[in-house]
Protein backbone atom coordinates (compact mmCIF):
# COMPACT_ATOMS: atom_id res chain seq x y z
CA MET A 1 168.93 92.80 84.64
CA ILE A 2 171.99 94.52 83.83
CA ARG A 3 170.21 97.87 83.75
CA GLU A 4 168.57 98.18 87.14
CA PHE A 5 171.77 96.34 88.93
CA SER A 6 173.94 99.58 87.13
CA HIS A 7 171.09 102.05 87.95
CA SER A 8 171.76 100.84 92.02
CA ILE A 9 175.30 100.99 92.11
CA ALA A 10 175.52 103.82 89.77
CA GLN A 11 173.69 106.08 92.63
CA LEU A 12 177.02 105.26 94.94
CA PHE A 13 179.09 107.81 92.37
CA PRO A 14 178.91 111.39 93.07
CA TYR A 15 177.88 112.84 89.67
CA ARG A 16 180.87 114.77 88.71
CA VAL A 17 182.88 111.50 88.85
CA LEU A 18 180.84 109.72 86.35
CA HIS A 19 180.56 112.96 84.10
CA GLY A 20 184.29 113.14 84.43
CA LEU A 21 184.93 109.91 83.34
CA VAL A 22 182.86 109.72 80.57
CA LYS A 23 183.30 113.16 79.59
CA PRO A 24 179.65 113.32 77.01
CA LYS A 25 180.09 115.51 73.88
CA ILE A 26 176.28 115.93 74.73
CA VAL A 27 173.09 114.66 75.86
CA ALA A 28 169.91 114.25 74.32
CA PRO A 29 166.93 113.41 76.89
CA PHE A 30 163.73 112.58 75.55
CA TYR A 31 159.94 112.39 77.23
CA HIS A 32 156.67 112.24 75.71
CA THR A 33 154.51 114.03 77.73
CA VAL A 34 154.20 116.73 81.26
CA ALA A 35 150.97 116.63 83.25
CA ASN A 36 149.49 117.10 86.59
CA VAL A 37 147.31 114.37 86.18
CA PHE A 38 148.49 111.03 84.29
CA PRO A 39 146.39 111.28 80.65
CA LEU A 40 144.17 107.78 80.57
CA HIS A 41 146.21 106.78 76.86
CA VAL A 42 149.51 106.64 78.78
CA ALA A 43 148.94 105.71 82.17
CA SER A 44 150.04 102.75 81.67
CA LEU A 45 152.96 102.35 79.66
CA TYR A 46 155.27 105.17 81.40
CA PRO A 47 155.55 107.28 84.64
CA VAL A 48 154.55 111.15 83.61
CA TYR A 49 156.25 114.17 85.36
CA THR A 50 154.36 117.33 86.81
CA PRO A 51 155.02 120.54 85.81
CA GLU A 52 156.85 121.26 88.98
CA GLN A 53 159.50 117.92 88.47
CA PHE A 54 160.14 118.93 84.93
CA GLU A 55 161.60 122.15 85.65
CA GLN A 56 164.10 120.33 88.25
CA HIS A 57 164.88 118.41 85.52
CA LEU A 58 165.91 121.28 83.70
CA GLU A 59 167.38 123.20 86.35
CA PHE A 60 169.91 120.72 86.65
CA LEU A 61 170.38 119.82 82.97
CA LEU A 62 171.06 123.38 82.26
CA LYS A 63 173.63 123.23 85.36
CA HIS A 64 175.87 120.96 83.07
CA PHE A 65 174.84 121.24 79.77
CA GLU A 66 174.25 124.00 77.43
CA PRO A 67 171.35 123.66 75.40
CA THR A 68 171.48 123.08 71.42
CA ILE A 69 169.66 123.17 68.34
CA PRO A 70 169.56 119.58 65.87
CA ALA A 71 171.40 121.96 62.83
CA ASP A 72 174.63 122.00 65.60
CA VAL A 73 174.70 118.30 66.52
CA PRO A 74 176.14 116.44 63.57
CA LEU A 75 179.14 119.79 63.81
CA ILE A 76 179.12 118.88 67.74
CA LEU A 77 179.63 115.25 67.12
CA SER A 78 182.33 115.74 64.62
CA GLY A 79 184.10 117.52 66.65
CA LYS A 80 183.68 120.77 64.05
CA LYS A 81 181.79 123.11 67.01
CA LYS A 82 183.17 123.15 70.51
CA LEU A 83 180.92 124.80 73.16
CA ALA A 84 181.63 125.81 76.63
CA LYS A 85 179.71 122.79 78.02
CA PRO A 86 178.47 119.72 77.15
CA ALA A 87 175.66 119.87 74.84
CA LEU A 88 172.23 119.50 75.50
CA PHE A 89 169.32 118.42 72.87
CA LEU A 90 166.73 118.14 74.12
CA SER A 91 163.29 116.46 72.47
CA PHE A 92 159.47 115.12 73.00
CA ASP A 93 158.18 112.27 71.02
CA ASP A 94 154.55 111.47 69.68
CA GLY A 95 152.84 114.91 69.66
CA PHE A 96 150.86 114.92 72.77
CA LYS A 97 148.77 118.36 73.68
CA GLU A 98 150.24 119.11 76.66
CA VAL A 99 153.59 120.20 74.67
CA THR A 100 151.96 123.47 73.73
CA THR A 101 149.81 123.89 77.18
CA ILE A 102 152.16 122.81 79.67
CA VAL A 103 155.96 122.15 78.23
CA GLU A 104 156.50 124.73 75.84
CA PRO A 105 155.51 127.98 78.11
CA ILE A 106 158.31 126.11 80.71
CA LEU A 107 160.43 126.25 78.01
CA SER A 108 160.28 129.30 76.62
CA LYS A 109 160.39 131.03 80.29
CA LYS A 110 164.03 129.33 80.31
CA GLY A 111 164.93 129.99 77.03
CA ILE A 112 165.29 126.59 75.75
CA PRO A 113 165.13 125.18 72.51
CA ALA A 114 163.69 121.54 71.83
CA THR A 115 162.38 119.07 69.36
CA PHE A 116 158.78 117.78 68.60
CA PHE A 117 158.62 114.59 66.69
CA VAL A 118 155.68 114.21 65.48
CA ASN A 119 153.62 111.06 63.55
CA PRO A 120 151.68 112.28 60.82
CA ASN A 121 148.58 109.93 61.29
CA PHE A 122 147.91 111.18 64.36
CA ILE A 123 148.24 115.05 64.04
CA ASP A 124 144.48 116.39 64.43
CA ASN A 125 143.46 113.38 66.30
CA ARG A 126 142.68 111.31 63.12
CA ASP A 127 143.78 108.35 65.10
CA LEU A 128 145.39 107.27 68.09
CA LEU A 129 148.65 104.80 68.53
CA TYR A 130 147.50 101.36 69.36
CA ARG A 131 149.77 101.16 72.66
CA CYS A 132 147.46 104.31 73.58
CA LYS A 133 144.40 102.41 72.65
CA LEU A 134 145.69 99.52 74.83
CA SER A 135 146.30 101.93 77.84
CA LEU A 136 142.52 102.68 77.86
CA ILE A 137 142.06 99.60 77.62
CA ASP A 138 143.97 98.59 80.63
CA ASN A 139 142.24 101.66 82.42
CA ARG A 140 138.71 99.78 81.82
CA LEU A 141 140.14 96.03 83.29
CA SER A 142 140.06 96.98 86.45
CA VAL A 143 136.41 97.87 86.67
CA PHE A 144 135.02 95.55 83.84
CA LYS A 145 133.45 92.11 85.13
CA ASP A 146 133.13 90.27 82.61
CA LYS A 147 136.92 89.10 81.96
CA LYS A 148 135.70 85.90 80.69
CA SER A 149 134.67 86.97 77.14
CA LEU A 150 137.87 88.73 77.16
CA VAL A 151 139.88 85.61 77.27
CA GLU A 152 137.54 84.04 74.84
CA ILE A 153 138.46 87.49 72.23
CA LEU A 154 142.25 86.62 72.51
CA ARG A 155 142.12 83.06 72.52
CA ASN A 156 140.11 82.91 69.21
CA ASN A 157 141.89 86.27 67.67
CA THR A 158 145.93 85.23 69.33
CA GLY A 159 146.30 81.64 68.81
CA ILE A 160 147.20 81.52 72.04
CA GLN A 161 144.66 78.61 74.22
CA SER A 162 146.54 79.05 77.37
CA ILE A 163 145.12 82.59 78.24
CA GLY A 164 143.39 82.38 82.02
CA VAL A 165 141.99 85.75 83.27
CA GLU A 166 144.99 86.45 84.82
CA GLN A 167 146.93 86.64 81.73
CA ILE A 168 144.93 89.47 80.23
CA LYS A 169 147.16 92.05 80.36
CA GLU A 170 150.07 90.25 79.73
CA VAL A 171 148.52 89.24 76.44
CA LEU A 172 146.54 92.28 75.89
CA PHE A 173 150.25 94.18 75.93
CA SER A 174 151.99 91.76 73.51
CA LEU A 175 149.77 93.05 70.47
CA GLY A 176 150.66 95.07 67.86
CA HIS A 177 150.34 97.68 65.04
CA ASN A 178 149.07 94.58 63.03
CA ASP A 179 147.11 93.70 65.86
CA SER A 180 144.25 96.34 65.22
CA SER A 181 141.17 94.35 64.78
CA THR A 182 141.81 92.27 67.89
CA ILE A 183 142.39 95.64 70.01
CA ASP A 184 138.92 97.21 68.19
CA LEU A 185 137.08 93.82 69.07
CA ILE A 186 138.40 93.90 73.04
CA ALA A 187 137.86 97.96 73.22
CA ASN A 188 134.19 96.99 72.20
CA ALA A 189 133.74 94.27 74.74
CA VAL A 190 134.81 96.86 77.42
CA GLY A 191 132.90 99.89 76.09
CA LEU A 192 135.54 101.50 74.61
CA ASN A 193 135.05 104.21 71.78
CA PHE A 194 138.42 105.50 70.42
CA THR A 195 136.93 108.02 68.12
CA GLU A 196 134.78 109.46 70.84
CA TYR A 197 137.88 109.28 72.80
CA LEU A 198 139.40 111.10 70.43
CA ASP A 199 136.90 113.80 69.60
CA LYS A 200 136.62 114.31 73.68
CA HIS A 201 140.11 114.69 74.67
CA GLN A 202 141.97 115.57 71.50
CA PRO A 203 145.59 114.29 73.21
CA TYR A 204 147.25 115.32 69.89
CA LEU A 205 148.28 118.10 68.52
CA THR A 206 146.94 119.48 65.91
CA LEU A 207 148.03 121.00 62.58
CA ASN A 208 147.86 124.47 63.61
CA GLN A 209 149.45 124.38 67.09
CA ILE A 210 152.63 122.54 65.28
CA LEU A 211 152.49 125.89 63.39
CA THR A 212 152.64 127.54 66.32
CA LEU A 213 155.09 126.25 68.04
CA SER A 214 157.16 126.46 65.00
CA SER A 215 156.63 130.18 64.74
CA LYS A 216 157.61 130.39 68.24
CA GLY A 217 160.81 128.82 67.10
CA TYR A 218 161.08 125.41 68.06
CA THR A 219 161.94 122.20 66.00
CA ILE A 220 159.43 119.94 64.28
CA GLY A 221 160.96 116.17 63.39
CA ALA A 222 159.07 113.06 61.97
CA HIS A 223 158.31 110.09 64.19
CA SER A 224 157.30 107.55 61.18
CA LEU A 225 153.84 107.74 59.94
CA THR A 226 152.05 104.99 62.00
CA HIS A 227 154.52 104.02 65.23
CA SER A 228 155.17 100.67 63.84
CA LEU A 229 157.91 99.06 65.29
CA PHE A 230 161.01 98.90 62.74
CA SER A 231 161.88 95.38 64.05
CA GLU A 232 158.74 94.19 62.58
CA LEU A 233 158.61 95.83 58.94
CA SER A 234 160.36 94.99 55.57
CA PHE A 235 163.26 97.32 54.85
CA GLU A 236 160.53 98.58 51.75
CA GLN A 237 158.07 99.67 54.84
CA GLN A 238 160.80 101.32 56.73
CA LEU A 239 161.78 103.25 54.28
CA ILE A 240 158.45 104.68 53.68
CA GLU A 241 157.75 105.35 57.21
CA VAL A 242 160.87 107.04 57.14
CA GLN A 243 160.60 109.23 53.88
CA GLN A 244 156.71 109.85 53.95
CA SER A 245 156.62 110.94 57.71
CA VAL A 246 160.00 113.22 56.75
CA ASP A 247 158.10 114.70 53.39
CA TRP A 248 155.26 115.71 55.55
CA VAL A 249 156.83 118.10 57.62
CA GLN A 250 158.71 119.12 54.79
CA GLN A 251 154.94 119.98 52.90
CA ASN A 252 153.58 121.44 56.10
CA ILE A 253 155.70 123.03 58.52
CA PRO A 254 158.36 125.37 57.21
CA ASN A 255 161.81 126.06 57.36
CA GLN A 256 162.00 122.58 59.43
CA PRO A 257 165.48 120.50 59.24
CA LYS A 258 164.76 117.39 57.81
CA LEU A 259 164.80 115.24 61.17
CA PHE A 260 163.75 111.49 61.77
CA ALA A 261 162.84 110.07 65.62
CA PHE A 262 162.49 106.01 65.54
CA PRO A 263 159.68 104.92 66.90
CA PHE A 264 159.82 102.36 70.47
CA THR A 265 163.97 101.43 69.42
CA SER A 266 166.33 101.53 66.08
CA HIS A 267 167.33 98.00 67.55
CA GLY A 268 166.28 95.81 64.35
CA VAL A 269 166.32 98.65 61.81
CA ASP A 270 167.68 97.55 58.60
CA GLY A 271 171.07 98.98 58.26
CA ARG A 272 170.54 99.74 54.38
CA ILE A 273 168.06 102.35 56.22
CA TYR A 274 171.08 104.47 57.00
CA LYS A 275 173.19 104.21 54.29
CA HIS A 276 170.01 105.30 52.44
CA PHE A 277 169.21 108.18 54.27
CA ILE A 278 172.85 109.26 56.42
CA ASP A 279 175.66 108.64 54.52
CA GLY A 280 177.48 110.67 52.06
CA GLU A 281 178.13 114.18 51.34
CA ASN A 282 174.80 115.16 50.68
CA PRO A 283 172.73 112.81 52.92
CA LYS A 284 168.62 112.97 52.30
CA ILE A 285 168.37 113.47 56.46
CA ASP A 286 170.33 116.22 58.49
CA LEU A 287 169.90 114.07 61.40
CA MET A 288 168.37 110.41 62.72
CA VAL A 289 168.09 109.72 66.56
CA GLY A 290 167.23 106.74 68.62
CA THR A 291 166.69 105.56 72.04
CA SER A 292 169.07 103.73 73.55
CA GLY A 293 170.33 106.15 76.18
CA TYR A 294 173.89 107.44 76.49
CA LYS A 295 175.58 105.39 73.30
CA PRO A 296 178.36 106.87 70.91
CA THR A 297 177.70 105.60 66.88
CA ASN A 298 179.85 105.43 64.23
CA ASN A 299 177.85 108.24 62.20
CA TYR A 300 177.61 111.90 63.52
CA ARG A 301 174.29 112.12 61.55
CA PHE A 302 172.73 109.91 64.32
CA LEU A 303 172.33 110.08 67.91
CA HIS A 304 170.74 108.00 70.44
CA ARG A 305 168.62 109.66 73.20
CA ILE A 306 167.93 109.17 76.78
CA PRO A 307 164.32 108.20 77.69
CA MET A 308 163.65 110.22 80.90
CA GLU A 309 160.52 107.97 82.19
CA VAL A 310 161.51 104.76 82.89
CA ASN A 311 161.32 105.79 86.36
CA VAL A 312 159.83 108.95 88.09
CA VAL A 313 163.30 110.21 89.68
CA THR A 314 165.15 113.21 89.38
CA ALA A 315 167.43 114.17 86.16
CA LYS A 316 170.84 113.63 88.38
CA VAL A 317 169.69 110.07 89.03
CA ARG A 318 168.75 109.41 86.06
CA LEU A 319 171.74 110.34 84.17
CA LYS A 320 174.37 108.63 87.04
CA SER A 321 172.50 105.56 85.76
CA GLU A 322 172.88 106.16 82.09
CA LEU A 323 176.48 107.10 82.08
CA PHE A 324 177.72 104.64 84.44
CA TYR A 325 175.71 102.08 82.57
CA TYR A 326 177.70 102.95 79.51
CA LEU A 327 180.91 102.89 81.63
CA ALA A 328 179.44 99.17 82.17
CA LYS A 329 179.35 98.52 78.97
CA GLY A 330 182.58 99.64 77.61
CA LEU A 331 184.13 96.65 79.94
CA VAL A 332 182.78 94.23 77.12
CA GLY A 333 182.99 96.54 74.23
CA LYS A 334 179.12 97.30 74.07
CA HIS A 335 179.45 101.21 74.50
CA LYS A 336 179.16 102.01 71.00
CA ASP A 337 176.48 101.42 67.92
CA GLU A 338 177.79 100.69 64.65
CA LEU A 339 174.29 100.92 63.58
CA GLY A 340 174.30 97.65 61.72
CA TYR A 341 176.41 98.49 59.02
CA GLY A 342 180.02 98.55 59.61
CA LYS A 343 182.41 101.62 60.36
CA HIS A 344 182.80 104.43 58.11
């Protein structure tokens, strides 16, 4: 509610005014995919920009920011490196195939560096993110007639007895990574076969495609093994998700920095994760990134990114919203992230 209110108020101000008040050192917009037609596996999750809309975003961003690479982010945040304009750190999550067919040609034409965060478990289309599975099911619901059978499946497998036909979608999207058996039951009921979908549509990058991106100068980072919500994992599980996904990139993609992007959000991450990976003179990871919008932190090896797919709007509108929200949070002292373990 507060974000929505801030978004509306922000549009009353010229961009240059908000930019001048915040004086950002760096902004980090991130996307998932760009396409002319919504892929069904993300159609119910977030909006997708067309190539033309994405190019318009880049034109605005290039006007106000200077593209940078991951190695320079800690230097910029710590004040050791100065640029003529505030820095731009651009990234894409989840490793969808459109980053090779649509995104990369646009970035290469404009000479813009970018980082692609991938999940090893999905590479070569070995599996499909559970949220993508839910999107496919949701797409089937509009034509599936026997909704009472779905209600029974949900009642029997979630323990929620108050489910009616009108609550199917709400309950469906409340399912998580650990509800894979329930998701598979529902998929079977509506005639979906995820293996067939993966084979036919190949939604994710292959290892060869990732290697090609790397050979063209793009950076590859880790995005966890399974794309689980970290707040639902134990400290030990969080360690495994970070370390093994980073190790996979190091072992399979030559000459990459050690980068990690938290899936969904870094909210609820055990503070010991930051101490383990990005504290000290010789950190185990070069840069970690979150998704809380424009929000400086107390560690120059951690950067929050701006989700650009909240609504289909111009980059100017999106950044105005984020910068104003940052200013509004400053009034109540919630405009910075201490990463859950105190100041350095």
